[in-house]
PDB file of N, CA and C in Angstrom:
ATOM      1  N   UNK A   1      46.363  21.176  -8.492  1.00  0.00           N
ATOM      2  CA  UNK A   1      44.876  21.327  -8.531  1.00  0.00           C
ATOM      3  C   UNK A   1      44.024  20.661  -7.218  1.00  0.00           C
ATOM      4  N   UNK A   2      43.892  19.612  -7.318  1.00  0.00           N
ATOM      5  CA  UNK A   2      43.324  18.417  -6.284  1.00  0.00           C
ATOM      6  C   UNK A   2      44.110  18.753  -4.786  1.00  0.00           C
ATOM      7  N   UNK A   3      45.151  19.117  -4.882  1.00  0.00           N
ATOM      8  CA  UNK A   3      45.751  19.486  -3.507  1.00  0.00           C
ATOM      9  C   UNK A   3      45.204  20.739  -2.694  1.00  0.00           C
ATOM     10  N   UNK A   4      45.096  21.800  -3.809  1.00  0.00           N
ATOM     11  CA  UNK A   4      44.379  23.120  -3.141  1.00  0.00           C
ATOM     12  C   UNK A   4      43.132  22.630  -2.603  1.00  0.00           C
ATOM     13  N   UNK A   5      41.952  21.976  -3.398  1.00  0.00           N
ATOM     14  CA  UNK A   5      40.798  21.647  -2.903  1.00  0.00           C
ATOM     15  C   UNK A   5      40.815  20.662  -1.757  1.00  0.00           C
ATOM     16  N   UNK A   6      41.750  19.850  -1.473  1.00  0.00           N
ATOM     17  CA  UNK A   6      41.974  18.850  -0.705  1.00  0.00           C
ATOM     18  C   UNK A   6      42.079  19.597   0.663  1.00  0.00           C
ATOM     19  N   UNK A   7      42.905  21.044   0.546  1.00  0.00           N
ATOM     20  CA  UNK A   7      43.478  21.754   1.782  1.00  0.00           C
ATOM     21  C   UNK A   7      42.474  22.827   2.045  1.00  0.00           C
ATOM     22  N   UNK A   8      41.510  23.212   1.248  1.00  0.00           N
ATOM     23  CA  UNK A   8      40.564  24.256   1.409  1.00  0.00           C
ATOM     24  C   UNK A   8      38.922  23.593   1.399  1.00  0.00           C
ATOM     25  N   UNK A   9      38.520  22.429   1.519  1.00  0.00           N
ATOM     26  CA  UNK A   9      37.574  21.646   1.474  1.00  0.00           C
ATOM     27  C   UNK A   9      36.638  22.449   2.602  1.00  0.00           C
ATOM     28  N   UNK A  10      36.925  22.658   3.595  1.00  0.00           N
ATOM     29  CA  UNK A  10      36.025  23.191   4.707  1.00  0.00           C
ATOM     30  C   UNK A  10      35.501  24.534   4.026  1.00  0.00           C
ATOM     31  N   UNK A  11      36.394  25.470   3.558  1.00  0.00           N
ATOM     32  CA  UNK A  11      36.109  26.796   3.040  1.00  0.00           C
ATOM     33  C   UNK A  11      35.452  26.630   1.727  1.00  0.00           C
ATOM     34  N   UNK A  12      35.902  25.860   1.000  1.00  0.00           N
ATOM     35  CA  UNK A  12      34.770  25.748  -0.063  1.00  0.00           C
ATOM     36  C   UNK A  12      33.569  25.218   0.046  1.00  0.00           C
ATOM     37  N   UNK A  13      33.305  24.391   0.874  1.00  0.00           N
ATOM     38  CA  UNK A  13      31.769  23.674   1.512  1.00  0.00           C
ATOM     39  C   UNK A  13      31.061  25.179   2.131  1.00  0.00           C
ATOM     40  N   UNK A  14      31.704  25.844   2.895  1.00  0.00           N
ATOM     41  CA  UNK A  14      31.139  26.932   3.409  1.00  0.00           C
ATOM     42  C   UNK A  14      30.706  28.006   2.597  1.00  0.00           C
ATOM     43  N   UNK A  15      31.738  28.642   1.456  1.00  0.00           N
ATOM     44  CA  UNK A  15      31.421  29.161   0.201  1.00  0.00           C
ATOM     45  C   UNK A  15      30.139  28.555  -0.518  1.00  0.00           C
ATOM     46  N   UNK A  16      29.835  27.505  -0.742  1.00  0.00           N
ATOM     47  CA  UNK A  16      28.925  26.922  -1.394  1.00  0.00           C
ATOM     48  C   UNK A  16      27.425  27.285  -0.587  1.00  0.00           C
ATOM     49  N   UNK A  17      27.702  26.547   0.568  1.00  0.00           N
ATOM     50  CA  UNK A  17      26.429  26.824   1.710  1.00  0.00           C
ATOM     51  C   UNK A  17      26.274  28.263   1.462  1.00  0.00           C
ATOM     52  N   UNK A  18      26.971  28.819   1.754  1.00  0.00           N
ATOM     53  CA  UNK A  18      26.704  30.394   1.601  1.00  0.00           C
ATOM     54  C   UNK A  18      26.004  30.876   0.188  1.00  0.00           C
ATOM     55  N   UNK A  19      26.551  30.593  -0.986  1.00  0.00           N
ATOM     56  CA  UNK A  19      25.871  30.787  -2.136  1.00  0.00           C
ATOM     57  C   UNK A  19      24.522  30.219  -2.605  1.00  0.00           C
ATOM     58  N   UNK A  20      24.063  29.211  -1.893  1.00  0.00           N
ATOM     59  CA  UNK A  20      23.307  28.225  -2.247  1.00  0.00           C
ATOM     60  C   UNK A  20      22.120  29.092  -0.853  1.00  0.00           C
ATOM     61  N   UNK A  21      22.342  29.740   0.191  1.00  0.00           N
ATOM     62  CA  UNK A  21      21.650  30.158   1.210  1.00  0.00           C
ATOM     63  C   UNK A  21      21.038  31.748   0.569  1.00  0.00           C
ATOM     64  N   UNK A  22      21.844  32.179  -0.165  1.00  0.00           N
ATOM     65  CA  UNK A  22      21.733  33.552  -0.770  1.00  0.00           C
ATOM     66  C   UNK A  22      20.837  33.444  -1.586  1.00  0.00           C
ATOM     67  N   UNK A  23      20.847  32.477  -2.753  1.00  0.00           N
ATOM     68  CA  UNK A  23      19.828  32.235  -3.697  1.00  0.00           C
ATOM     69  C   UNK A  23      18.607  31.731  -3.093  1.00  0.00           C
ATOM     70  N   UNK A  24      18.749  30.768  -2.072  1.00  0.00           N
ATOM     71  CA  UNK A  24      17.583  30.261  -1.429  1.00  0.00           C
ATOM     72  C   UNK A  24      16.576  31.632  -1.001  1.00  0.00           C
ATOM     73  N   UNK A  25      17.390  32.234  -0.441  1.00  0.00           N
ATOM     74  CA  UNK A  25      16.258  33.483   0.475  1.00  0.00           C
ATOM     75  C   UNK A  25      15.865  34.390  -0.691  1.00  0.00           C
ATOM     76  N   UNK A  26      16.594  34.981  -1.673  1.00  0.00           N
ATOM     77  CA  UNK A  26      16.683  35.415  -2.344  1.00  0.00           C
ATOM     78  C   UNK A  26      15.295  35.046  -3.332  1.00  0.00           C
ATOM     79  N   UNK A  27      15.067  33.848  -3.665  1.00  0.00           N
ATOM     80  CA  UNK A  27      13.994  33.471  -4.335  1.00  0.00           C
ATOM     81  C   UNK A  27      12.639  33.263  -3.363  1.00  0.00           C
ATOM     82  N   UNK A  28      12.991  33.017  -1.886  1.00  0.00           N
ATOM     83  CA  UNK A  28      12.003  32.955  -1.194  1.00  0.00           C
ATOM     84  C   UNK A  28      11.045  34.326  -0.820  1.00  0.00           C
ATOM     85  N   UNK A  29      11.949  35.441  -0.927  1.00  0.00           N
ATOM     86  CA  UNK A  29      11.155  36.694  -0.935  1.00  0.00           C
ATOM     87  C   UNK A  29      10.336  37.216  -1.492  1.00  0.00           C
ATOM     88  N   UNK A  30      10.190  36.787  -2.544  1.00  0.00           N
ATOM     89  CA  UNK A  30       9.444  36.912  -3.831  1.00  0.00           C
ATOM     90  C   UNK A  30       8.124  36.412  -3.487  1.00  0.00           C
ATOM     91  N   UNK A  31       7.087  37.229  -3.516  1.00  0.00           N
ATOM     92  CA  UNK A  31       5.710  36.810  -3.559  1.00  0.00           C
ATOM     93  C   UNK A  31       4.990  36.091  -4.676  1.00  0.00           C
ATOM     94  N   UNK A  32       4.146  35.167  -4.661  1.00  0.00           N
ATOM     95  CA  UNK A  32       3.613  34.630  -6.068  1.00  0.00           C
ATOM     96  C   UNK A  32       3.081  35.700  -6.836  1.00  0.00           C
ATOM     97  N   UNK A  33       3.286  35.403  -8.077  1.00  0.00           N
ATOM     98  CA  UNK A  33       2.627  36.634  -8.967  1.00  0.00           C
ATOM     99  C   UNK A  33       0.979  36.115  -9.069  1.00  0.00           C
ATOM    100  N   UNK A  34       0.011  37.614  -9.086  1.00  0.00           N
ATOM    101  CA  UNK A  34      -1.170  37.453  -8.609  1.00  0.00           C
ATOM    102  C   UNK A  34      -1.756  37.040 -10.036  1.00  0.00           C
ATOM    103  N   UNK A  35      -2.862  36.648 -10.411  1.00  0.00           N
ATOM    104  CA  UNK A  35      -3.297  36.277 -12.111  1.00  0.00           C
ATOM    105  C   UNK A  35      -3.691  37.629 -12.279  1.00  0.00           C
ATOM    106  N   UNK A  36      -3.899  37.821 -13.686  1.00  0.00           N
ATOM    107  CA  UNK A  36      -4.083  38.958 -14.471  1.00  0.00           C
ATOM    108  C   UNK A  36      -5.565  39.404 -13.884  1.00  0.00           C
ATOM    109  N   UNK A  37      -6.136  38.837 -13.898  1.00  0.00           N
ATOM    110  CA  UNK A  37      -7.698  39.419 -13.026  1.00  0.00           C
ATOM    111  C   UNK A  37      -7.936  40.152 -11.630  1.00  0.00           C
ATOM    112  N   UNK A  38      -6.699  40.529 -11.249  1.00  0.00           N
ATOM    113  CA  UNK A  38      -6.608  41.043 -10.270  1.00  0.00           C
ATOM    114  C   UNK A  38      -7.282  42.056 -10.106  1.00  0.00           C
ATOM    115  N   UNK A  39      -7.373  42.494  -8.960  1.00  0.00           N
ATOM    116  CA  UNK A  39      -7.922  44.276  -8.733  1.00  0.00           C
ATOM    117  C   UNK A  39      -6.991  45.163  -7.990  1.00  0.00           C
ATOM    118  N   UNK A  40      -5.786  44.999  -8.079  1.00  0.00           N
ATOM    119  CA  UNK A  40      -4.891  45.928  -7.803  1.00  0.00           C
ATOM    120  C   UNK A  40      -4.956  47.412  -7.862  1.00  0.00           C
ATOM    121  N   UNK A  41      -5.090  47.485  -9.567  1.00  0.00           N
ATOM    122  CA  UNK A  41      -5.537  49.241 -10.012  1.00  0.00           C
ATOM    123  C   UNK A  41      -6.797  49.542  -9.549  1.00  0.00           C
ATOM    124  N   UNK A  42      -7.505  48.545  -9.272  1.00  0.00           N
ATOM    125  CA  UNK A  42      -9.063  48.977  -8.429  1.00  0.00           C
ATOM    126  C   UNK A  42      -8.631  49.516  -7.106  1.00  0.00           C
ATOM    127  N   UNK A  43      -7.934  48.937  -6.252  1.00  0.00           N
ATOM    128  CA  UNK A  43      -7.690  49.157  -5.083  1.00  0.00           C
ATOM    129  C   UNK A  43      -6.869  50.532  -4.969  1.00  0.00           C
ATOM    130  N   UNK A  44      -5.958  50.840  -6.046  1.00  0.00           N
ATOM    131  CA  UNK A  44      -4.881  52.107  -6.004  1.00  0.00           C
ATOM    132  C   UNK A  44      -6.085  52.851  -6.328  1.00  0.00           C
ATOM    133  N   UNK A  45      -7.015  52.825  -7.445  1.00  0.00           N
ATOM    134  CA  UNK A  45      -8.556  54.072  -7.491  1.00  0.00           C
ATOM    135  C   UNK A  45      -8.629  54.409  -6.490  1.00  0.00           C
ATOM    136  N   UNK A  46      -9.357  53.137  -5.526  1.00  0.00           N
ATOM    137  CA  UNK A  46     -10.063  53.715  -4.447  1.00  0.00           C
ATOM    138  C   UNK A  46      -9.720  54.631  -3.479  1.00  0.00           C
ATOM    139  N   UNK A  47      -7.997  54.197  -3.394  1.00  0.00           N
ATOM    140  CA  UNK A  47      -7.529  54.848  -2.468  1.00  0.00           C
ATOM    141  C   UNK A  47      -7.506  56.561  -2.689  1.00  0.00           C
ATOM    142  N   UNK A  48      -7.398  56.363  -3.969  1.00  0.00           N
ATOM    143  CA  UNK A  48      -7.030  58.022  -4.401  1.00  0.00           C
ATOM    144  C   UNK A  48      -8.667  58.893  -4.737  1.00  0.00           C
ATOM    145  N   UNK A  49      -9.467  57.879  -4.639  1.00  0.00           N
ATOM    146  CA  UNK A  49     -10.958  58.534  -4.543  1.00  0.00           C
ATOM    147  C   UNK A  49     -11.193  58.592  -2.974  1.00  0.00           C
ATOM    148  N   UNK A  50     -10.945  57.868  -2.107  1.00  0.00           N
ATOM    149  CA  UNK A  50     -11.020  58.058  -0.959  1.00  0.00           C
ATOM    150  C   UNK A  50     -10.637  59.525  -0.509  1.00  0.00           C
ATOM    151  N   UNK A  51      -9.257  59.624  -1.052  1.00  0.00           N
ATOM    152  CA  UNK A  51      -8.516  60.891  -0.557  1.00  0.00           C
ATOM    153  C   UNK A  51      -9.009  61.998  -1.426  1.00  0.00           C
ATOM    154  N   UNK A  52      -9.684  62.113  -2.105  1.00  0.00           N
ATOM    155  CA  UNK A  52     -10.618  63.185  -3.079  1.00  0.00           C
ATOM    156  C   UNK A  52     -11.856  63.411  -2.157  1.00  0.00           C
ATOM    157  N   UNK A  53     -12.525  62.345  -1.707  1.00  0.00           N
ATOM    158  CA  UNK A  53     -13.496  62.498  -0.750  1.00  0.00           C
ATOM    159  C   UNK A  53     -13.453  63.077   0.443  1.00  0.00           C
ATOM    160  N   UNK A  54     -12.133  62.641   0.799  1.00  0.00           N
ATOM    161  CA  UNK A  54     -11.815  63.171   2.396  1.00  0.00           C
ATOM    162  C   UNK A  54     -11.338  64.731   2.109  1.00  0.00           C
ATOM    163  N   UNK A  55     -10.709  65.154   1.027  1.00  0.00           N
ATOM    164  CA  UNK A  55     -10.669  66.662   0.673  1.00  0.00           C
ATOM    165  C   UNK A  55     -11.907  67.318   0.315  1.00  0.00           C
ATOM    166  N   UNK A  56     -12.812  66.785  -0.070  1.00  0.00           N
ATOM    167  CA  UNK A  56     -14.015  67.394  -0.350  1.00  0.00           C
ATOM    168  C   UNK A  56     -14.621  67.594   0.764  1.00  0.00           C
ATOM    169  N   UNK A  57     -14.988  66.604   1.556  1.00  0.00           N
ATOM    170  CA  UNK A  57     -15.490  66.914   2.945  1.00  0.00           C
ATOM    171  C   UNK A  57     -14.884  67.887   3.882  1.00  0.00           C
ATOM    172  N   UNK A  58     -13.161  68.216   3.969  1.00  0.00           N
ATOM    173  CA  UNK A  58     -12.531  69.310   4.439  1.00  0.00           C
ATOM    174  C   UNK A  58     -13.072  70.533   3.988  1.00  0.00           C
ATOM    175  N   UNK A  59     -13.011  70.320   2.764  1.00  0.00           N
ATOM    176  CA  UNK A  59     -13.604  71.760   2.116  1.00  0.00           C
ATOM    177  C   UNK A  59     -14.909  72.242   2.229  1.00  0.00           C
ATOM    178  N   UNK A  60     -16.050  71.189   2.791  1.00  0.00           N
ATOM    179  CA  UNK A  60     -17.331  71.605   2.827  1.00  0.00           C
ATOM    180  C   UNK A  60     -17.249  72.046   4.245  1.00  0.00           C
ATOM    181  N   UNK A  61     -16.304  71.888   5.231  1.00  0.00           N
ATOM    182  CA  UNK A  61     -16.420  72.559   6.670  1.00  0.00           C
ATOM    183  C   UNK A  61     -15.987  73.702   6.429  1.00  0.00           C
ATOM    184  N   UNK A  62     -15.181  74.235   5.744  1.00  0.00           N
ATOM    185  CA  UNK A  62     -14.620  75.604   5.427  1.00  0.00           C
ATOM    186  C   UNK A  62     -15.883  76.966   5.712  1.00  0.00           C
ATOM    187  N   UNK A  63     -15.838  77.608   6.305  1.00  0.00           N
ATOM    188  CA  UNK A  63     -16.564  78.701   6.749  1.00  0.00           C
ATOM    189  C   UNK A  63     -16.000  80.166   6.672  1.00  0.00           C
ATOM    190  N   UNK A  64     -16.422  81.001   5.842  1.00  0.00           N
ATOM    191  CA  UNK A  64     -15.962  82.213   5.465  1.00  0.00           C
ATOM    192  C   UNK A  64     -16.384  83.304   6.452  1.00  0.00           C
ATOM    193  N   UNK A  65     -15.595  84.185   6.757  1.00  0.00           N
ATOM    194  CA  UNK A  65     -16.162  85.058   7.580  1.00  0.00           C
ATOM    195  C   UNK A  65     -16.751  86.789   7.132  1.00  0.00           C
ATOM    196  N   UNK A  66     -17.915  86.570   6.456  1.00  0.00           N
ATOM    197  CA  UNK A  66     -17.917  87.890   5.783  1.00  0.00           C
ATOM    198  C   UNK A  66     -17.923  89.236   6.089  1.00  0.00           C
ATOM    199  N   UNK A  67     -17.522  89.586   7.675  1.00  0.00           N
ATOM    200  CA  UNK A  67     -17.326  90.926   8.343  1.00  0.00           C
ATOM    201  C   UNK A  67     -16.161  91.399   7.798  1.00  0.00           C
ATOM    202  N   UNK A  68     -15.452  90.986   6.968  1.00  0.00           N
ATOM    203  CA  UNK A  68     -13.885  91.675   6.214  1.00  0.00           C
ATOM    204  C   UNK A  68     -14.589  92.955   5.584  1.00  0.00           C
ATOM    205  N   UNK A  69     -15.903  92.191   4.745  1.00  0.00           N
ATOM    206  CA  UNK A  69     -16.481  93.042   3.662  1.00  0.00           C
ATOM    207  C   UNK A  69     -17.201  94.460   4.365  1.00  0.00           C
ATOM    208  N   UNK A  70     -17.783  94.615   5.558  1.00  0.00           N
ATOM    209  CA  UNK A  70     -17.947  95.419   6.299  1.00  0.00           C
ATOM    210  C   UNK A  70     -17.179  96.362   6.834  1.00  0.00           C
ATOM    211  N   UNK A  71     -15.642  96.128   6.918  1.00  0.00           N
ATOM    212  CA  UNK A  71     -14.769  96.490   7.544  1.00  0.00           C
ATOM    213  C   UNK A  71     -14.569  98.000   6.669  1.00  0.00           C
ATOM    214  N   UNK A  72     -14.208  99.197   7.239  1.00  0.00           N
ATOM    215  CA  UNK A  72     -14.002 100.614   6.737  1.00  0.00           C
ATOM    216  C   UNK A  72     -12.786 100.398   5.863  1.00  0.00           C
ATOM    217  N   UNK A  73     -11.748  99.426   6.289  1.00  0.00           N
ATOM    218  CA  UNK A  73     -10.637  99.424   5.251  1.00  0.00           C
ATOM    219  C   UNK A  73     -10.614  98.882   3.955  1.00  0.00           C
ATOM    220  N   UNK A  74     -11.623  97.978   4.280  1.00  0.00           N
ATOM    221  CA  UNK A  74     -11.835  97.550   2.762  1.00  0.00           C
ATOM    222  C   UNK A  74     -12.681  98.041   1.851  1.00  0.00           C
ATOM    223  N   UNK A  75     -13.305  98.915   2.561  1.00  0.00           N
ATOM    224  CA  UNK A  75     -14.442  99.853   1.618  1.00  0.00           C
ATOM    225  C   UNK A  75     -13.451 101.031   0.856  1.00  0.00           C
ATOM    226  N   UNK A  76     -12.232 101.223   1.733  1.00  0.00           N
ATOM    227  CA  UNK A  76     -11.325 102.296   1.406  1.00  0.00           C
ATOM    228  C   UNK A  76     -10.681 101.808   0.076  1.00  0.00           C
ATOM    229  N   UNK A  77     -10.362 100.438  -0.178  1.00  0.00           N
ATOM    230  CA  UNK A  77      -9.558 100.017  -1.216  1.00  0.00           C
ATOM    231  C   UNK A  77      -9.793 100.590  -2.650  1.00  0.00           C
ATOM    232  N   UNK A  78      -8.826 100.678  -3.921  1.00  0.00           N
ATOM    233  CA  UNK A  78      -9.609 101.354  -5.099  1.00  0.00           C
ATOM    234  C   UNK A  78      -8.958 100.226  -6.264  1.00  0.00           C
ATOM    235  N   UNK A  79      -9.530 100.369  -6.892  1.00  0.00           N
ATOM    236  CA  UNK A  79      -9.156  99.505  -7.802  1.00  0.00           C
ATOM    237  C   UNK A  79      -8.346 100.148  -9.260  1.00  0.00           C
ATOM    238  N   UNK A  80      -7.129  99.407  -8.990  1.00  0.00           N
ATOM    239  CA  UNK A  80      -6.101 100.099 -10.316  1.00  0.00           C
ATOM    240  C   UNK A  80      -6.514  99.346 -11.477  1.00  0.00           C
ATOM    241  N   UNK A  81      -6.846  98.268 -11.711  1.00  0.00           N
ATOM    242  CA  UNK A  81      -6.917  97.713 -12.961  1.00  0.00           C
ATOM    243  C   UNK A  81      -7.428  98.773 -14.117  1.00  0.00           C
ATOM    244  N   UNK A  82      -6.729  98.084 -15.259  1.00  0.00           N
ATOM    245  CA  UNK A  82      -6.931  98.912 -16.515  1.00  0.00           C
ATOM    246  C   UNK A  82      -8.165  98.112 -17.208  1.00  0.00           C
ATOM    247  N   UNK A  83      -8.749  98.889 -18.252  1.00  0.00           N
ATOM    248  CA  UNK A  83      -9.510  98.078 -19.100  1.00  0.00           C
ATOM    249  C   UNK A  83      -8.685  97.998 -20.357  1.00  0.00           C
ATOM    250  N   UNK A  84      -9.330  96.564 -20.790  1.00  0.00           N
ATOM    251  CA  UNK A  84      -8.358  95.809 -21.821  1.00  0.00           C
ATOM    252  C   UNK A  84      -8.970  96.095 -23.362  1.00  0.00           C
ATOM    253  N   UNK A  85      -8.229  96.610 -24.016  1.00  0.00           N
ATOM    254  CA  UNK A  85      -8.377  97.477 -25.192  1.00  0.00           C
ATOM    255  C   UNK A  85      -8.390  96.262 -26.166  1.00  0.00           C
ATOM    256  N   UNK A  86      -9.841  96.216 -27.117  1.00  0.00           N
ATOM    257  CA  UNK A  86      -9.781  95.148 -28.340  1.00  0.00           C
ATOM    258  C   UNK A  86      -8.760  95.353 -29.124  1.00  0.00           C
ATOM    259  N   UNK A  87      -7.656  94.230 -29.394  1.00  0.00           N
ATOM    260  CA  UNK A  87      -6.860  94.521 -30.686  1.00  0.00           C
ATOM    261  C   UNK A  87      -7.262  93.826 -31.910  1.00  0.00           C
ATOM    262  N   UNK A  88      -6.730  94.351 -33.054  1.00  0.00           N
ATOM    263  CA  UNK A  88      -7.283  93.980 -34.114  1.00  0.00           C
ATOM    264  C   UNK A  88      -6.833  92.367 -34.161  1.00  0.00           C
ATOM    265  N   UNK A  89      -7.999  91.276 -34.970  1.00  0.00           N
ATOM    266  CA  UNK A  89      -7.587  90.096 -35.089  1.00  0.00           C
ATOM    267  C   UNK A  89      -7.052  89.807 -36.228  1.00  0.00           C
ATOM    268  N   UNK A  90      -6.121  88.408 -36.716  1.00  0.00           N
ATOM    269  CA  UNK A  90      -5.527  88.275 -37.454  1.00  0.00           C
ATOM    270  C   UNK A  90      -6.659  86.915 -38.067  1.00  0.00           C
ATOM    271  N   UNK A  91      -6.103  86.580 -39.367  1.00  0.00           N
ATOM    272  CA  UNK A  91      -6.334  85.570 -39.803  1.00  0.00           C
ATOM    273  C   UNK A  91      -7.194  84.270 -39.090  1.00  0.00           C
ATOM    274  N   UNK A  92      -8.402  83.714 -39.292  1.00  0.00           N
ATOM    275  CA  UNK A  92      -8.707  82.802 -38.703  1.00  0.00           C
ATOM    276  C   UNK A  92      -7.581  81.462 -38.881  1.00  0.00           C
ATOM    277  N   UNK A  93      -7.341  81.173 -39.967  1.00  0.00           N
ATOM    278  CA  UNK A  93      -6.034  80.134 -39.808  1.00  0.00           C
ATOM    279  C   UNK A  93      -4.499  80.757 -40.567  1.00  0.00           C
ATOM    280  N   UNK A  94      -3.894  81.055 -39.643  1.00  0.00           N
ATOM    281  CA  UNK A  94      -2.522  81.475 -40.415  1.00  0.00           C
ATOM    282  C   UNK A  94      -1.839  80.891 -41.179  1.00  0.00           C
ATOM    283  N   UNK A  95      -2.247  79.611 -41.063  1.00  0.00           N
ATOM    284  CA  UNK A  95      -1.063  78.332 -42.131  1.00  0.00           C
ATOM    285  C   UNK A  95      -1.981  78.417 -43.766  1.00  0.00           C
ATOM    286  N   UNK A  96      -3.413  78.658 -43.836  1.00  0.00           N
ATOM    287  CA  UNK A  96      -3.794  78.667 -44.854  1.00  0.00           C
ATOM    288  C   UNK A  96      -3.449  79.640 -46.230  1.00  0.00           C
ATOM    289  N   UNK A  97      -3.113  78.902 -47.306  1.00  0.00           N
ATOM    290  CA  UNK A  97      -2.685  80.021 -48.292  1.00  0.00           C
ATOM    291  C   UNK A  97      -3.065  81.075 -48.355  1.00  0.00           C
ATOM    292  N   UNK A  98      -2.470  82.290 -48.533  1.00  0.00           N
ATOM    293  CA  UNK A  98      -2.345  83.749 -48.646  1.00  0.00           C
ATOM    294  C   UNK A  98      -3.162  83.646 -49.708  1.00  0.00           C
ATOM    295  N   UNK A  99      -4.323  84.852 -49.702  1.00  0.00           N
ATOM    296  CA  UNK A  99      -5.381  85.192 -50.517  1.00  0.00           C
ATOM    297  C   UNK A  99      -4.653  86.063 -51.943  1.00  0.00           C
ATOM    298  N   UNK A 100      -4.668  86.006 -53.304  1.00  0.00           N
ATOM    299  CA  UNK A 100      -4.258  86.907 -54.119  1.00  0.00           C
ATOM    300  C   UNK A 100      -4.622  88.236 -54.381  1.00  0.00           C
ATOM    301  N   UNK A 101      -5.680  88.679 -53.433  1.00  0.00           N
ATOM    302  CA  UNK A 101      -6.490  89.865 -53.638  1.00  0.00           C
ATOM    303  C   UNK A 101      -5.436  90.947 -52.844  1.00  0.00           C
ATOM    304  N   UNK A 102      -4.252  90.805 -52.229  1.00  0.00           N
ATOM    305  CA  UNK A 102      -3.872  91.955 -51.510  1.00  0.00           C
ATOM    306  C   UNK A 102      -3.187  92.722 -52.484  1.00  0.00           C
ATOM    307  N   UNK A 103      -2.320  93.685 -52.321  1.00  0.00           N
ATOM    308  CA  UNK A 103      -1.686  94.255 -53.455  1.00  0.00           C
ATOM    309  C   UNK A 103      -0.150  94.188 -52.629  1.00  0.00           C
ATOM    310  N   UNK A 104       1.359  94.430 -53.706  1.00  0.00           N
ATOM    311  CA  UNK A 104       2.058  94.680 -52.977  1.00  0.00           C
ATOM    312  C   UNK A 104       2.500  95.942 -52.907  1.00  0.00           C
ATOM    313  N   UNK A 105       3.266  96.182 -51.655  1.00  0.00           N
ATOM    314  CA  UNK A 105       3.619  97.689 -51.359  1.00  0.00           C
ATOM    315  C   UNK A 105       4.963  97.861 -52.279  1.00  0.00           C
ATOM    316  N   UNK A 106       5.542  99.026 -52.087  1.00  0.00           N
ATOM    317  CA  UNK A 106       6.790  99.479 -52.727  1.00  0.00           C
ATOM    318  C   UNK A 106       7.858  98.710 -52.282  1.00  0.00           C
ATOM    319  N   UNK A 107       7.592  98.405 -50.951  1.00  0.00           N
ATOM    320  CA  UNK A 107       9.061  97.696 -50.381  1.00  0.00           C
ATOM    321  C   UNK A 107       8.838  96.274 -50.682  1.00  0.00           C
ATOM    322  N   UNK A 108       7.753  95.684 -50.718  1.00  0.00           N
ATOM    323  CA  UNK A 108       7.284  94.354 -51.073  1.00  0.00           C
ATOM    324  C   UNK A 108       8.263  94.062 -52.725  1.00  0.00           C
ATOM    325  N   UNK A 109       7.868  95.032 -53.705  1.00  0.00           N
ATOM    326  CA  UNK A 109       8.347  94.972 -54.708  1.00  0.00           C
ATOM    327  C   UNK A 109       9.619  95.264 -55.137  1.00  0.00           C
ATOM    328  N   UNK A 110      10.519  95.862 -54.053  1.00  0.00           N
ATOM    329  CA  UNK A 110      11.842  96.014 -54.133  1.00  0.00           C
ATOM    330  C   UNK A 110      12.266  94.746 -53.642  1.00  0.00           C
ATOM    331  N   UNK A 111      11.681  94.107 -52.539  1.00  0.00           N
ATOM    332  CA  UNK A 111      12.487  92.685 -51.997  1.00  0.00           C
ATOM    333  C   UNK A 111      12.436  91.880 -53.026  1.00  0.00           C
ATOM    334  N   UNK A 112      11.016  91.529 -53.704  1.00  0.00           N
ATOM    335  CA  UNK A 112      11.010  90.501 -54.593  1.00  0.00           C
ATOM    336  C   UNK A 112      11.880  91.007 -55.569  1.00  0.00           C
ATOM    337  N   UNK A 113      11.904  92.134 -56.127  1.00  0.00           N
ATOM    338  CA  UNK A 113      13.281  92.414 -57.213  1.00  0.00           C
ATOM    339  C   UNK A 113      14.739  92.192 -56.846  1.00  0.00           C
ATOM    340  N   UNK A 114      14.669  92.033 -55.632  1.00  0.00           N
ATOM    341  CA  UNK A 114      16.058  91.635 -54.853  1.00  0.00           C
ATOM    342  C   UNK A 114      16.379  89.914 -55.232  1.00  0.00           C
ATOM    343  N   UNK A 115      15.492  89.307 -54.824  1.00  0.00           N
ATOM    344  CA  UNK A 115      15.246  87.800 -54.589  1.00  0.00           C
ATOM    345  C   UNK A 115      15.292  87.268 -56.315  1.00  0.00           C
ATOM    346  N   UNK A 116      14.632  88.110 -56.761  1.00  0.00           N
ATOM    347  CA  UNK A 116      14.629  87.352 -58.196  1.00  0.00           C
ATOM    348  C   UNK A 116      15.612  87.450 -59.067  1.00  0.00           C
ATOM    349  N   UNK A 117      16.591  88.027 -58.612  1.00  0.00           N
ATOM    350  CA  UNK A 117      18.197  88.250 -59.198  1.00  0.00           C
ATOM    351  C   UNK A 117      19.136  87.206 -59.022  1.00  0.00           C
TER     352      UNK A 117
END
């Protein structure tokens, strides 16, 4: 075992230096941690706020041309929409216990008789 170490002494030294170098550079790239009282989240919020303000200012500069409404082609358009017919409304709370005031129909009575057996 000692013979192998003596024969490959230079290779082992180079290998140790490379490993130490990688470890050193790996630790050196890390920035020091900031305190818990930093304003990182505030700066991110301000960037988002600036983006929203920029978009609002861009929208403020939009101008609509109302001459399209004076065009005869626009006047010839027809509305194919349909009126919405009101539908019957169910119970306000469908999960509330059922009231006993309703009567069973013949089909319900037959179903109760089948399940009672």
